[in-house]
N, C-alpha and C. Protein backbone atom coordinates (compact mmCIF):
# COMPACT_ATOMS: atom_id res chain seq x y z
N UNK A 1 82.74 37.74 -3.77
CA UNK A 1 82.73 39.04 -3.17
C UNK A 1 84.15 39.54 -2.92
N UNK A 2 85.08 38.60 -2.79
CA UNK A 2 86.45 39.00 -2.51
C UNK A 2 87.12 39.64 -3.71
N UNK A 3 86.65 39.32 -4.93
CA UNK A 3 87.28 39.86 -6.14
C UNK A 3 86.81 41.27 -6.46
N UNK A 4 85.73 41.72 -5.85
CA UNK A 4 85.19 43.05 -6.12
C UNK A 4 85.77 44.02 -5.11
N UNK A 5 86.38 45.09 -5.63
CA UNK A 5 86.92 46.11 -4.74
C UNK A 5 85.85 47.15 -4.50
N UNK A 6 85.54 47.37 -3.25
CA UNK A 6 84.52 48.35 -2.90
C UNK A 6 85.13 49.43 -2.01
N UNK A 7 84.74 50.64 -2.28
CA UNK A 7 85.16 51.75 -1.44
C UNK A 7 84.08 51.94 -0.39
N UNK A 8 84.45 51.75 0.84
CA UNK A 8 83.49 51.84 1.94
C UNK A 8 83.95 52.94 2.87
N UNK A 9 83.08 53.91 3.09
CA UNK A 9 83.44 55.03 3.95
C UNK A 9 83.31 54.68 5.43
N UNK A 10 82.43 53.75 5.74
CA UNK A 10 82.20 53.35 7.12
C UNK A 10 82.14 51.83 7.15
N UNK A 11 82.85 51.17 8.06
CA UNK A 11 82.85 49.70 8.09
C UNK A 11 81.47 49.08 8.29
N UNK A 12 80.54 49.79 8.85
CA UNK A 12 79.21 49.24 9.08
C UNK A 12 78.48 49.01 7.76
N UNK A 13 78.90 49.71 6.68
CA UNK A 13 78.24 49.59 5.39
C UNK A 13 78.81 48.50 4.50
N UNK A 14 79.92 47.87 4.91
CA UNK A 14 80.48 46.80 4.08
C UNK A 14 79.71 45.51 4.32
N UNK A 15 79.54 44.69 3.27
CA UNK A 15 78.79 43.44 3.44
C UNK A 15 79.57 42.43 4.27
N UNK A 16 78.84 41.69 5.07
CA UNK A 16 79.46 40.63 5.88
C UNK A 16 79.79 39.45 4.98
N UNK A 17 80.85 38.74 5.29
CA UNK A 17 81.26 37.59 4.49
C UNK A 17 80.24 36.46 4.57
N UNK A 18 79.53 36.36 5.70
CA UNK A 18 78.56 35.27 5.86
C UNK A 18 77.13 35.70 5.53
N UNK A 19 76.97 36.90 4.99
CA UNK A 19 75.66 37.40 4.63
C UNK A 19 75.09 36.56 3.49
N UNK A 20 73.79 36.29 3.54
CA UNK A 20 73.16 35.48 2.49
C UNK A 20 73.35 36.13 1.14
N UNK A 21 73.77 35.38 0.17
CA UNK A 21 74.01 35.90 -1.16
C UNK A 21 75.45 36.28 -1.41
N UNK A 22 76.22 36.51 -0.36
CA UNK A 22 77.63 36.85 -0.53
C UNK A 22 78.52 35.63 -0.43
N UNK A 23 78.17 34.70 0.44
CA UNK A 23 78.94 33.48 0.59
C UNK A 23 78.48 32.47 -0.46
N UNK A 24 79.40 31.88 -1.19
CA UNK A 24 79.10 30.87 -2.21
C UNK A 24 78.09 31.38 -3.24
N UNK A 25 78.34 32.54 -3.80
CA UNK A 25 77.45 33.14 -4.79
C UNK A 25 77.42 32.31 -6.06
N UNK A 26 76.22 31.99 -6.53
CA UNK A 26 76.05 31.22 -7.76
C UNK A 26 75.08 31.97 -8.67
N UNK A 27 75.52 32.44 -9.82
CA UNK A 27 74.66 33.21 -10.72
C UNK A 27 73.44 32.43 -11.20
N UNK A 28 73.58 31.12 -11.37
CA UNK A 28 72.43 30.34 -11.86
C UNK A 28 71.30 30.31 -10.82
N UNK A 29 71.64 30.31 -9.54
CA UNK A 29 70.60 30.36 -8.50
C UNK A 29 69.91 31.72 -8.49
N UNK A 30 70.69 32.77 -8.73
CA UNK A 30 70.10 34.11 -8.79
C UNK A 30 69.14 34.22 -9.97
N UNK A 31 69.53 33.68 -11.12
CA UNK A 31 68.65 33.70 -12.29
C UNK A 31 67.38 32.89 -12.03
N UNK A 32 67.52 31.74 -11.37
CA UNK A 32 66.37 30.91 -11.06
C UNK A 32 65.43 31.63 -10.09
N UNK A 33 65.98 32.31 -9.11
CA UNK A 33 65.16 33.06 -8.16
C UNK A 33 64.43 34.21 -8.85
N UNK A 34 65.11 34.89 -9.76
CA UNK A 34 64.47 35.99 -10.49
C UNK A 34 63.32 35.46 -11.35
N UNK A 35 63.51 34.29 -11.98
CA UNK A 35 62.46 33.68 -12.78
C UNK A 35 61.27 33.31 -11.90
N UNK A 36 61.53 32.78 -10.72
CA UNK A 36 60.46 32.42 -9.79
C UNK A 36 59.67 33.66 -9.35
N UNK A 37 60.36 34.75 -9.10
CA UNK A 37 59.69 35.99 -8.72
C UNK A 37 58.80 36.48 -9.85
N UNK A 38 59.30 36.43 -11.10
CA UNK A 38 58.48 36.84 -12.25
C UNK A 38 57.24 35.96 -12.38
N UNK A 39 57.42 34.66 -12.16
CA UNK A 39 56.30 33.73 -12.25
C UNK A 39 55.25 34.03 -11.17
N UNK A 40 55.69 34.28 -9.95
CA UNK A 40 54.75 34.57 -8.86
C UNK A 40 54.05 35.90 -9.09
N UNK A 41 54.78 36.90 -9.60
CA UNK A 41 54.15 38.20 -9.89
C UNK A 41 53.04 38.03 -10.93
N UNK A 42 53.31 37.22 -11.94
CA UNK A 42 52.30 36.97 -12.97
C UNK A 42 51.12 36.18 -12.41
N UNK A 43 51.42 35.17 -11.58
CA UNK A 43 50.38 34.31 -11.01
C UNK A 43 49.43 35.09 -10.11
N UNK A 44 49.97 35.99 -9.30
CA UNK A 44 49.14 36.72 -8.35
C UNK A 44 48.71 38.09 -8.86
N UNK A 45 49.07 38.42 -10.08
CA UNK A 45 48.57 39.63 -10.71
C UNK A 45 49.27 40.92 -10.32
N UNK A 46 50.48 40.83 -9.82
CA UNK A 46 51.22 42.05 -9.53
C UNK A 46 51.66 42.68 -10.84
N UNK A 47 51.58 43.98 -10.93
CA UNK A 47 51.92 44.68 -12.16
C UNK A 47 53.43 44.80 -12.29
N UNK A 48 53.90 44.60 -13.49
CA UNK A 48 55.32 44.78 -13.78
C UNK A 48 55.52 46.18 -14.33
N UNK A 49 56.75 46.60 -14.44
CA UNK A 49 57.05 47.93 -14.96
C UNK A 49 56.53 48.07 -16.39
N UNK A 50 56.70 47.04 -17.21
CA UNK A 50 56.25 47.11 -18.60
C UNK A 50 54.73 47.27 -18.68
N UNK A 51 54.01 46.56 -17.84
CA UNK A 51 52.55 46.65 -17.84
C UNK A 51 52.11 48.04 -17.39
N UNK A 52 52.75 48.58 -16.37
CA UNK A 52 52.40 49.94 -15.91
C UNK A 52 52.66 50.95 -17.01
N UNK A 53 53.76 50.79 -17.75
CA UNK A 53 54.08 51.71 -18.84
C UNK A 53 53.03 51.60 -19.94
N UNK A 54 52.60 50.38 -20.25
CA UNK A 54 51.57 50.18 -21.28
C UNK A 54 50.26 50.83 -20.85
N UNK A 55 49.89 50.68 -19.59
CA UNK A 55 48.65 51.28 -19.10
C UNK A 55 48.74 52.80 -19.12
N UNK A 56 49.92 53.35 -18.85
CA UNK A 56 50.11 54.80 -18.88
C UNK A 56 49.92 55.32 -20.31
N UNK A 57 50.48 54.60 -21.28
CA UNK A 57 50.32 55.01 -22.68
C UNK A 57 48.86 54.95 -23.11
N UNK A 58 48.15 53.91 -22.68
CA UNK A 58 46.72 53.79 -23.01
C UNK A 58 45.94 54.95 -22.41
N UNK A 59 46.25 55.30 -21.17
CA UNK A 59 45.55 56.39 -20.50
C UNK A 59 45.80 57.71 -21.22
N UNK A 60 47.06 57.94 -21.63
CA UNK A 60 47.38 59.17 -22.35
C UNK A 60 46.69 59.22 -23.71
N UNK A 61 46.57 58.07 -24.37
CA UNK A 61 45.88 58.01 -25.66
C UNK A 61 44.41 58.35 -25.48
N UNK A 62 43.78 57.77 -24.47
CA UNK A 62 42.37 58.08 -24.21
C UNK A 62 42.18 59.54 -23.88
N UNK A 63 43.10 60.11 -23.12
CA UNK A 63 43.02 61.52 -22.77
C UNK A 63 43.14 62.40 -24.01
N UNK A 64 44.06 62.06 -24.91
CA UNK A 64 44.22 62.84 -26.14
C UNK A 64 42.98 62.74 -27.01
N UNK A 65 42.39 61.55 -27.10
CA UNK A 65 41.17 61.38 -27.89
C UNK A 65 40.03 62.20 -27.29
N UNK A 66 39.92 62.21 -25.98
CA UNK A 66 38.88 62.99 -25.30
C UNK A 66 39.06 64.47 -25.58
N UNK A 67 40.30 64.96 -25.50
CA UNK A 67 40.56 66.37 -25.74
C UNK A 67 40.28 66.75 -27.19
N UNK A 68 40.62 65.88 -28.13
CA UNK A 68 40.36 66.16 -29.54
C UNK A 68 38.86 66.23 -29.80
N UNK A 69 38.11 65.31 -29.21
CA UNK A 69 36.65 65.30 -29.37
C UNK A 69 36.04 66.56 -28.76
N UNK A 70 36.53 66.95 -27.60
CA UNK A 70 36.02 68.15 -26.93
C UNK A 70 36.31 69.39 -27.77
N UNK A 71 37.49 69.45 -28.37
CA UNK A 71 37.84 70.60 -29.21
C UNK A 71 36.95 70.67 -30.45
N UNK A 72 36.65 69.51 -31.04
CA UNK A 72 35.78 69.48 -32.20
C UNK A 72 34.39 69.99 -31.85
N UNK A 73 33.86 69.53 -30.70
CA UNK A 73 32.53 69.99 -30.28
C UNK A 73 32.54 71.48 -29.99
N UNK A 74 33.64 72.00 -29.44
CA UNK A 74 33.73 73.42 -29.13
C UNK A 74 33.73 74.26 -30.41
N UNK A 75 34.26 73.70 -31.50
CA UNK A 75 34.29 74.42 -32.76
C UNK A 75 33.01 74.22 -33.57
N UNK A 76 32.08 73.43 -33.04
CA UNK A 76 30.81 73.22 -33.71
C UNK A 76 30.81 72.03 -34.65
N UNK A 77 31.87 71.31 -34.70
CA UNK A 77 31.96 70.15 -35.58
C UNK A 77 31.52 68.88 -34.86
N UNK A 78 31.38 67.84 -35.64
CA UNK A 78 31.01 66.53 -35.08
C UNK A 78 32.11 65.56 -35.48
N UNK A 79 32.50 64.75 -34.56
CA UNK A 79 33.57 63.79 -34.85
C UNK A 79 33.02 62.54 -35.45
C-alpha cells in the first residue's frame, strides 16, 4: 500500500495501515479467496453476471419469437 500514491481529499477516506487486506498484502491469497467465493456461489446457486446475461438473451429470444408468431397470425398466416 505504501508504493501506491493516492490522492485523498479528506484524511478520513484514506485506508488505515492496519486495515485487513492492506497490511501484508499477498496476491495469491486474494486469488484463492476469489476462487472460494466463485465455488460457494456455484454451490449455493447464486447467479453470476454471465448467467444473468445468458438468461437475458434467452428471454429476448423468446420475446422475439413470440412477436414474430403474433405478427404472422395477424397477417393471416400460420407459422
